[in-house]
Amino acid sequence: MDFELSDEHRLVQKMVRDFAQKEVAPIIKEYDRRQEMAPFVLKRMGEEGILGICFPVRYGGQGMDYISLGLACEELEAVDSTLRVVMSVHVGLNSMGLLQWGTEEQKQRWLIPQARGEKIACFGL
């Protein structure tokens, strides 16, 4: 079994790492100190294609695989654990459920704006 990352996977890893280092790392300590979230970061993640990384292209995503999603989460986690949790909830607990079991109408209504960062998925316990 080959465990080497593909060139595409390495590009995803670098893109998310660069994003996190450039746009999250410089501000995150101040937001943590204030116990606040920086919502503009999520919008930027949508613009960069991170929020929809494993959504099919027809729903506004990048059409990448779950390894790409895992690499993106790993790079976000390296800079801010909370942001990785937000990503996991947004994609894993919401968007992937919609993709698997949602109607076409629901997918069009929710997945496209979620991939763009216009709508952020959440859940309540």
N, C-alpha and C. Protein backbone atom coordinates (compact mmCIF):
# COMPACT_ATOMS: atom_id res chain seq x y z
N MET A 1 0.84 -1.17 0.00
CA MET A 1 0.00 0.00 0.00
C MET A 1 0.89 1.24 0.00
N ASP A 2 0.56 2.19 -0.85
CA ASP A 2 1.35 3.42 -0.99
C ASP A 2 0.76 4.52 -0.11
N PHE A 3 1.54 4.99 0.86
CA PHE A 3 1.07 6.02 1.77
C PHE A 3 1.62 7.40 1.43
N GLU A 4 2.27 7.52 0.29
CA GLU A 4 2.79 8.81 -0.14
C GLU A 4 1.64 9.71 -0.58
N LEU A 5 1.76 11.00 -0.28
CA LEU A 5 0.76 11.95 -0.74
C LEU A 5 0.95 12.20 -2.23
N SER A 6 -0.16 12.38 -2.92
CA SER A 6 -0.09 12.73 -4.34
C SER A 6 0.33 14.20 -4.47
N ASP A 7 0.67 14.59 -5.67
CA ASP A 7 1.00 16.00 -5.91
C ASP A 7 -0.18 16.90 -5.56
N GLU A 8 -1.39 16.45 -5.90
CA GLU A 8 -2.59 17.23 -5.58
C GLU A 8 -2.74 17.38 -4.06
N HIS A 9 -2.50 16.32 -3.33
CA HIS A 9 -2.61 16.37 -1.87
C HIS A 9 -1.57 17.32 -1.28
N ARG A 10 -0.37 17.28 -1.81
CA ARG A 10 0.67 18.20 -1.32
C ARG A 10 0.31 19.66 -1.62
N LEU A 11 -0.33 19.91 -2.76
CA LEU A 11 -0.78 21.27 -3.08
C LEU A 11 -1.85 21.75 -2.10
N VAL A 12 -2.80 20.86 -1.79
CA VAL A 12 -3.83 21.19 -0.80
C VAL A 12 -3.18 21.50 0.54
N GLN A 13 -2.30 20.64 0.96
CA GLN A 13 -1.61 20.82 2.24
C GLN A 13 -0.89 22.17 2.30
N LYS A 14 -0.17 22.50 1.25
CA LYS A 14 0.56 23.77 1.21
C LYS A 14 -0.38 24.96 1.18
N MET A 15 -1.44 24.87 0.39
CA MET A 15 -2.39 25.97 0.27
C MET A 15 -3.03 26.28 1.63
N VAL A 16 -3.49 25.24 2.33
CA VAL A 16 -4.14 25.47 3.62
C VAL A 16 -3.12 25.91 4.66
N ARG A 17 -1.93 25.33 4.64
CA ARG A 17 -0.88 25.75 5.56
C ARG A 17 -0.54 27.23 5.35
N ASP A 18 -0.37 27.64 4.10
CA ASP A 18 -0.06 29.04 3.81
C ASP A 18 -1.19 29.96 4.26
N PHE A 19 -2.43 29.55 3.98
CA PHE A 19 -3.59 30.34 4.42
C PHE A 19 -3.59 30.50 5.93
N ALA A 20 -3.43 29.39 6.65
CA ALA A 20 -3.48 29.43 8.11
C ALA A 20 -2.35 30.28 8.68
N GLN A 21 -1.16 30.14 8.13
CA GLN A 21 -0.02 30.92 8.62
C GLN A 21 -0.18 32.41 8.33
N LYS A 22 -0.69 32.73 7.16
CA LYS A 22 -0.78 34.12 6.75
C LYS A 22 -2.00 34.84 7.33
N GLU A 23 -3.14 34.15 7.37
CA GLU A 23 -4.38 34.83 7.71
C GLU A 23 -4.92 34.51 9.10
N VAL A 24 -4.53 33.40 9.67
CA VAL A 24 -5.06 33.02 10.99
C VAL A 24 -4.02 33.24 12.09
N ALA A 25 -2.83 32.74 11.90
CA ALA A 25 -1.81 32.82 12.95
C ALA A 25 -1.58 34.23 13.50
N PRO A 26 -1.53 35.27 12.66
CA PRO A 26 -1.25 36.60 13.20
C PRO A 26 -2.36 37.18 14.10
N ILE A 27 -3.58 36.67 13.98
CA ILE A 27 -4.69 37.28 14.72
C ILE A 27 -5.27 36.39 15.81
N ILE A 28 -4.97 35.11 15.78
CA ILE A 28 -5.72 34.16 16.61
C ILE A 28 -5.52 34.36 18.10
N LYS A 29 -4.35 34.74 18.54
CA LYS A 29 -4.13 34.90 19.99
C LYS A 29 -5.02 36.00 20.56
N GLU A 30 -5.17 37.08 19.83
CA GLU A 30 -6.03 38.17 20.31
C GLU A 30 -7.49 37.73 20.36
N TYR A 31 -7.95 37.02 19.34
CA TYR A 31 -9.32 36.53 19.36
C TYR A 31 -9.52 35.52 20.49
N ASP A 32 -8.56 34.66 20.72
CA ASP A 32 -8.64 33.71 21.83
C ASP A 32 -8.69 34.44 23.17
N ARG A 33 -7.87 35.45 23.31
CA ARG A 33 -7.84 36.22 24.56
C ARG A 33 -9.21 36.83 24.84
N ARG A 34 -9.88 37.30 23.80
CA ARG A 34 -11.21 37.91 23.96
C ARG A 34 -12.33 36.87 23.94
N GLN A 35 -11.97 35.62 23.73
CA GLN A 35 -12.94 34.52 23.62
C GLN A 35 -13.97 34.81 22.53
N GLU A 36 -13.45 35.20 21.37
CA GLU A 36 -14.29 35.52 20.22
C GLU A 36 -13.83 34.71 19.01
N MET A 37 -14.72 34.60 18.06
CA MET A 37 -14.42 33.97 16.78
C MET A 37 -14.24 35.07 15.75
N ALA A 38 -13.40 34.86 14.79
CA ALA A 38 -13.18 35.82 13.70
C ALA A 38 -13.98 35.36 12.48
N PRO A 39 -15.24 35.79 12.35
CA PRO A 39 -16.09 35.27 11.28
C PRO A 39 -15.56 35.55 9.87
N PHE A 40 -14.80 36.60 9.70
CA PHE A 40 -14.26 36.90 8.37
C PHE A 40 -13.28 35.82 7.91
N VAL A 41 -12.70 35.10 8.85
CA VAL A 41 -11.79 34.00 8.48
C VAL A 41 -12.57 32.91 7.75
N LEU A 42 -13.78 32.62 8.20
CA LEU A 42 -14.60 31.60 7.55
C LEU A 42 -14.97 32.04 6.14
N LYS A 43 -15.29 33.30 5.97
CA LYS A 43 -15.60 33.82 4.63
C LYS A 43 -14.38 33.64 3.72
N ARG A 44 -13.21 33.95 4.22
CA ARG A 44 -11.98 33.79 3.44
C ARG A 44 -11.72 32.31 3.12
N MET A 45 -12.03 31.43 4.08
CA MET A 45 -11.87 30.00 3.82
C MET A 45 -12.78 29.57 2.67
N GLY A 46 -13.99 30.13 2.62
CA GLY A 46 -14.88 29.85 1.51
C GLY A 46 -14.32 30.35 0.20
N GLU A 47 -13.80 31.57 0.22
CA GLU A 47 -13.21 32.16 -0.99
C GLU A 47 -12.02 31.35 -1.50
N GLU A 48 -11.26 30.78 -0.58
CA GLU A 48 -10.09 29.98 -0.95
C GLU A 48 -10.45 28.55 -1.34
N GLY A 49 -11.71 28.16 -1.17
CA GLY A 49 -12.13 26.81 -1.52
C GLY A 49 -11.93 25.79 -0.42
N ILE A 50 -11.57 26.25 0.77
CA ILE A 50 -11.29 25.32 1.87
C ILE A 50 -12.58 24.73 2.43
N LEU A 51 -13.62 25.54 2.60
CA LEU A 51 -14.85 25.04 3.21
C LEU A 51 -15.56 23.99 2.34
N GLY A 52 -15.38 24.06 1.06
CA GLY A 52 -16.01 23.10 0.16
C GLY A 52 -15.02 22.15 -0.47
N ILE A 53 -13.92 21.92 0.20
CA ILE A 53 -12.81 21.17 -0.39
C ILE A 53 -13.22 19.80 -0.92
N CYS A 54 -14.12 19.11 -0.23
CA CYS A 54 -14.50 17.77 -0.70
C CYS A 54 -15.93 17.72 -1.23
N PHE A 55 -16.53 18.89 -1.46
CA PHE A 55 -17.85 18.92 -2.11
C PHE A 55 -17.64 18.72 -3.61
N PRO A 56 -18.58 18.10 -4.27
CA PRO A 56 -18.49 18.03 -5.73
C PRO A 56 -18.51 19.44 -6.34
N VAL A 57 -17.89 19.57 -7.48
CA VAL A 57 -17.82 20.87 -8.16
C VAL A 57 -19.22 21.41 -8.44
N ARG A 58 -20.16 20.54 -8.77
CA ARG A 58 -21.52 21.00 -9.11
C ARG A 58 -22.22 21.66 -7.92
N TYR A 59 -21.68 21.46 -6.71
CA TYR A 59 -22.24 22.12 -5.52
C TYR A 59 -21.29 23.18 -4.98
N GLY A 60 -20.45 23.71 -5.84
CA GLY A 60 -19.57 24.81 -5.46
C GLY A 60 -18.26 24.40 -4.83
N GLY A 61 -18.00 23.11 -4.76
CA GLY A 61 -16.79 22.64 -4.09
C GLY A 61 -15.61 22.44 -5.02
N GLN A 62 -14.57 21.87 -4.45
CA GLN A 62 -13.34 21.61 -5.19
C GLN A 62 -13.29 20.20 -5.78
N GLY A 63 -14.21 19.33 -5.34
CA GLY A 63 -14.26 17.97 -5.88
C GLY A 63 -13.12 17.08 -5.43
N MET A 64 -12.51 17.42 -4.30
CA MET A 64 -11.37 16.63 -3.82
C MET A 64 -11.84 15.52 -2.88
N ASP A 65 -10.92 14.68 -2.47
CA ASP A 65 -11.25 13.51 -1.67
C ASP A 65 -11.13 13.78 -0.17
N TYR A 66 -11.41 12.74 0.61
CA TYR A 66 -11.37 12.88 2.07
C TYR A 66 -9.95 13.01 2.61
N ILE A 67 -8.98 12.54 1.88
CA ILE A 67 -7.59 12.78 2.30
C ILE A 67 -7.31 14.27 2.26
N SER A 68 -7.79 14.94 1.23
CA SER A 68 -7.64 16.40 1.13
C SER A 68 -8.31 17.09 2.30
N LEU A 69 -9.51 16.63 2.66
CA LEU A 69 -10.21 17.19 3.82
C LEU A 69 -9.39 16.98 5.09
N GLY A 70 -8.87 15.78 5.28
CA GLY A 70 -8.06 15.50 6.45
C GLY A 70 -6.81 16.35 6.51
N LEU A 71 -6.16 16.55 5.38
CA LEU A 71 -4.97 17.40 5.34
C LEU A 71 -5.32 18.85 5.65
N ALA A 72 -6.45 19.32 5.13
CA ALA A 72 -6.88 20.69 5.42
C ALA A 72 -7.13 20.85 6.91
N CYS A 73 -7.83 19.90 7.51
CA CYS A 73 -8.10 19.96 8.95
C CYS A 73 -6.81 19.92 9.76
N GLU A 74 -5.88 19.09 9.35
CA GLU A 74 -4.60 18.98 10.05
C GLU A 74 -3.84 20.31 10.02
N GLU A 75 -3.83 20.97 8.88
CA GLU A 75 -3.13 22.25 8.77
C GLU A 75 -3.83 23.35 9.57
N LEU A 76 -5.15 23.34 9.60
CA LEU A 76 -5.88 24.32 10.43
C LEU A 76 -5.61 24.06 11.90
N GLU A 77 -5.62 22.80 12.29
CA GLU A 77 -5.37 22.40 13.69
C GLU A 77 -4.00 22.87 14.16
N ALA A 78 -3.03 22.86 13.28
CA ALA A 78 -1.67 23.27 13.66
C ALA A 78 -1.62 24.73 14.09
N VAL A 79 -2.57 25.53 13.62
CA VAL A 79 -2.59 26.96 13.95
C VAL A 79 -3.67 27.29 14.97
N ASP A 80 -4.84 26.66 14.84
CA ASP A 80 -5.95 26.96 15.76
C ASP A 80 -6.91 25.78 15.85
N SER A 81 -6.96 25.18 17.00
CA SER A 81 -7.82 24.02 17.21
C SER A 81 -9.29 24.34 17.00
N THR A 82 -9.72 25.51 17.44
CA THR A 82 -11.13 25.89 17.30
C THR A 82 -11.53 25.96 15.83
N LEU A 83 -10.68 26.52 15.01
CA LEU A 83 -10.99 26.64 13.59
C LEU A 83 -11.11 25.26 12.94
N ARG A 84 -10.29 24.33 13.36
CA ARG A 84 -10.41 22.96 12.84
C ARG A 84 -11.73 22.33 13.28
N VAL A 85 -12.15 22.60 14.51
CA VAL A 85 -13.44 22.07 14.97
C VAL A 85 -14.57 22.66 14.14
N VAL A 86 -14.52 23.96 13.90
CA VAL A 86 -15.54 24.60 13.07
C VAL A 86 -15.58 23.94 11.69
N MET A 87 -14.43 23.70 11.12
CA MET A 87 -14.34 23.05 9.81
C MET A 87 -14.94 21.64 9.87
N SER A 88 -14.62 20.89 10.91
CA SER A 88 -15.14 19.53 11.05
C SER A 88 -16.65 19.51 11.19
N VAL A 89 -17.20 20.44 11.96
CA VAL A 89 -18.66 20.51 12.13
C VAL A 89 -19.30 20.94 10.81
N HIS A 90 -18.75 21.99 10.22
CA HIS A 90 -19.30 22.52 8.97
C HIS A 90 -19.37 21.44 7.90
N VAL A 91 -18.26 20.75 7.70
CA VAL A 91 -18.20 19.75 6.63
C VAL A 91 -18.73 18.40 7.11
N GLY A 92 -18.15 17.88 8.19
CA GLY A 92 -18.44 16.51 8.60
C GLY A 92 -19.82 16.28 9.17
N LEU A 93 -20.26 17.15 10.05
CA LEU A 93 -21.55 16.93 10.70
C LEU A 93 -22.73 17.48 9.91
N ASN A 94 -22.47 18.38 9.00
CA ASN A 94 -23.58 18.98 8.27
C ASN A 94 -23.51 18.70 6.77
N SER A 95 -22.54 19.27 6.13
CA SER A 95 -22.50 19.26 4.67
C SER A 95 -22.43 17.85 4.09
N MET A 96 -21.64 16.99 4.69
CA MET A 96 -21.53 15.63 4.15
C MET A 96 -22.83 14.85 4.34
N GLY A 97 -23.55 15.14 5.42
CA GLY A 97 -24.87 14.53 5.60
C GLY A 97 -25.84 14.98 4.53
N LEU A 98 -25.82 16.28 4.24
CA LEU A 98 -26.67 16.81 3.16
C LEU A 98 -26.29 16.18 1.83
N LEU A 99 -25.02 16.08 1.59
CA LEU A 99 -24.55 15.51 0.33
C LEU A 99 -25.01 14.06 0.19
N GLN A 100 -24.95 13.31 1.26
CA GLN A 100 -25.31 11.90 1.22
C GLN A 100 -26.82 11.67 1.17
N TRP A 101 -27.57 12.41 2.00
CA TRP A 101 -28.98 12.09 2.18
C TRP A 101 -29.94 13.21 1.80
N GLY A 102 -29.44 14.38 1.47
CA GLY A 102 -30.31 15.50 1.14
C GLY A 102 -30.95 15.36 -0.24
N THR A 103 -32.05 16.06 -0.41
CA THR A 103 -32.68 16.12 -1.73
C THR A 103 -31.85 17.05 -2.61
N GLU A 104 -32.08 17.00 -3.89
CA GLU A 104 -31.36 17.89 -4.81
C GLU A 104 -31.67 19.35 -4.47
N GLU A 105 -32.91 19.63 -4.11
CA GLU A 105 -33.29 20.99 -3.73
C GLU A 105 -32.50 21.45 -2.50
N GLN A 106 -32.37 20.60 -1.49
CA GLN A 106 -31.60 20.94 -0.29
C GLN A 106 -30.12 21.15 -0.62
N LYS A 107 -29.59 20.31 -1.47
CA LYS A 107 -28.18 20.45 -1.85
C LYS A 107 -27.93 21.78 -2.53
N GLN A 108 -28.81 22.14 -3.47
CA GLN A 108 -28.66 23.42 -4.17
C GLN A 108 -28.81 24.59 -3.20
N ARG A 109 -29.76 24.47 -2.30
CA ARG A 109 -30.04 25.57 -1.37
C ARG A 109 -28.94 25.77 -0.34
N TRP A 110 -28.34 24.69 0.15
CA TRP A 110 -27.41 24.80 1.27
C TRP A 110 -25.95 24.53 0.93
N LEU A 111 -25.67 23.55 0.12
CA LEU A 111 -24.26 23.20 -0.11
C LEU A 111 -23.49 24.28 -0.86
N ILE A 112 -24.12 24.87 -1.86
CA ILE A 112 -23.41 25.90 -2.63
C ILE A 112 -23.01 27.08 -1.75
N PRO A 113 -23.94 27.67 -0.97
CA PRO A 113 -23.50 28.77 -0.09
C PRO A 113 -22.58 28.30 1.04
N GLN A 114 -22.68 27.05 1.46
CA GLN A 114 -21.75 26.55 2.48
C GLN A 114 -20.34 26.44 1.91
N ALA A 115 -20.22 26.00 0.68
CA ALA A 115 -18.90 25.89 0.05
C ALA A 115 -18.26 27.27 -0.10
N ARG A 116 -19.07 28.28 -0.34
CA ARG A 116 -18.56 29.65 -0.54
C ARG A 116 -18.30 30.39 0.76
N GLY A 117 -18.77 29.85 1.88
CA GLY A 117 -18.62 30.56 3.15
C GLY A 117 -19.71 31.58 3.38
N GLU A 118 -20.77 31.52 2.59
CA GLU A 118 -21.91 32.43 2.76
C GLU A 118 -22.83 31.93 3.87
N LYS A 119 -22.85 30.64 4.08
CA LYS A 119 -23.60 30.00 5.17
C LYS A 119 -22.62 29.08 5.88
N ILE A 120 -22.63 29.14 7.20
CA ILE A 120 -21.76 28.28 7.99
C ILE A 120 -22.64 27.30 8.76
N ALA A 121 -22.37 26.03 8.59
CA ALA A 121 -23.15 24.99 9.25
C ALA A 121 -22.78 24.89 10.72
N CYS A 122 -23.76 24.50 11.52
CA CYS A 122 -23.51 24.30 12.95
C CYS A 122 -24.47 23.22 13.44
N PHE A 123 -24.38 22.90 14.70
CA PHE A 123 -25.32 21.97 15.29
C PHE A 123 -25.48 22.31 16.76
N GLY A 124 -26.61 21.92 17.31
CA GLY A 124 -26.86 22.16 18.73
C GLY A 124 -27.02 20.84 19.46
N LEU A 125 -26.51 20.79 20.65
CA LEU A 125 -26.59 19.59 21.46
C LEU A 125 -27.62 19.79 22.53
